Protein backbone atom coordinates (compact mmCIF):
# COMPACT_ATOMS: atom_id res chain seq x y z
CA MET A 1 116.72 106.74 106.76
CA ALA A 2 116.89 109.79 108.55
CA THR A 3 119.22 112.30 106.08
CA ALA A 4 120.69 114.78 107.38
CA GLY A 5 118.68 118.67 108.84
CA SER A 6 115.84 116.96 107.62
CA ASP A 7 112.28 115.30 110.11
CA ARG A 8 111.91 112.95 106.55
CA PHE A 9 112.71 109.98 106.41
CA GLU A 10 112.03 106.40 104.31
CA GLN A 11 111.44 103.09 104.98
CA PHE A 12 111.43 100.21 103.67
CA GLY A 13 109.46 96.73 104.39
CA ALA A 14 107.37 94.51 102.96
CA LEU A 15 103.75 94.37 103.52
CA VAL A 16 101.76 91.38 105.53
CA GLY A 17 98.52 92.88 106.35
CA TRP A 18 96.09 95.83 106.74
CA THR A 19 92.91 96.56 107.87
CA HIS A 20 90.85 99.74 107.50
CA GLU A 21 87.77 101.55 109.24
CA ASP A 22 84.96 103.40 107.95
CA LEU A 23 84.81 107.25 109.93
CA GLY A 24 82.03 108.40 107.64
CA ASP A 25 83.02 110.67 105.34
CA ARG A 26 86.75 109.12 106.60
CA VAL A 27 89.09 106.31 106.32
CA MET A 28 91.52 104.68 108.79
CA VAL A 29 93.60 102.17 106.55
CA LYS A 30 95.90 100.40 109.28
CA VAL A 31 99.16 99.04 107.13
CA GLN A 32 101.26 96.16 109.17
CA SER A 33 105.15 95.92 106.78
CA LYS A 34 108.00 93.49 108.62
CA ARG A 35 111.67 94.93 107.71
CA PRO A 36 114.16 93.43 107.12
CA GLY A 37 116.56 91.92 109.73
CA CYS A 38 113.30 91.88 112.24
CA SER A 39 112.26 89.34 114.84
CA ALA A 40 110.28 86.69 113.57
CA GLY A 41 107.17 87.81 115.71
CA GLU A 42 108.50 91.65 114.88
CA VAL A 43 105.90 93.99 112.87
CA ASP A 44 105.56 97.51 112.24
CA GLU A 45 101.92 98.80 112.05
CA VAL A 46 100.73 102.46 110.60
CA ARG A 47 97.42 103.85 110.06
CA TYR A 48 96.59 106.38 107.56
CA PHE A 49 93.93 108.92 107.74
CA MET A 50 92.07 109.44 104.23
CA THR A 51 88.84 110.41 103.05
CA LYS A 52 87.02 108.44 100.44
CA ASN A 53 88.17 109.96 97.41
CA GLN A 54 91.45 110.17 98.04
CA ALA A 55 91.04 105.95 99.40
CA ALA A 56 89.54 105.87 95.94
CA VAL A 57 92.15 107.20 94.18
CA LEU A 58 94.73 104.70 95.73
CA ALA A 59 92.27 101.90 95.16
CA ASN A 60 91.95 103.00 90.85
CA TYR A 61 95.69 103.49 91.40
CA LEU A 62 96.57 100.10 92.81
CA TYR A 63 94.47 98.56 90.14
CA GLY A 64 95.69 100.00 87.56
CA ILE A 65 99.65 99.30 88.25
CA SER A 66 98.79 95.25 89.42
CA GLY A 67 96.78 95.07 85.97
CA ARG A 68 93.80 92.97 86.98
CA LEU A 69 90.44 95.41 86.68
CA PRO A 70 88.31 96.06 89.58
CA GLN A 71 85.12 93.59 89.96
CA PRO A 72 82.45 95.05 87.73
CA ALA A 73 79.34 96.08 90.08
CA LYS A 74 76.47 93.76 90.45
CA LYS A 75 73.92 94.74 87.79
CA ARG A 76 70.00 94.85 89.35
CA ARG A 77 67.67 93.30 88.54
CA TRP A 78 64.31 95.36 87.45
CA PHE A 79 62.79 93.77 90.88
CA ALA A 80 64.98 95.01 93.08
C-alpha cells in the first residue's frame, strides 16, 4: 500500500513459484506470487538481481528460519 508522500508500498501474497538465471557473477531470481482477490490465472512476477554472495546469505537465512539444514556436500573420493 502506498503511503502519502512516499513511493514505498507493501504488497502481500502467497509465493507460487520461482526461477533463476545465472548471470556470471550475479543471479536473477524471478519470484511469482498470487495476491488475495486475484483471478484464477493472475500471477504477479518480480525479478530481483543480486550478487552470488547475496544469494548465499539469503539461502542461509531461509534455511535457518525453516529449521532445516542445507544438504551436506558429497564427499569426494580419493580417485575422483
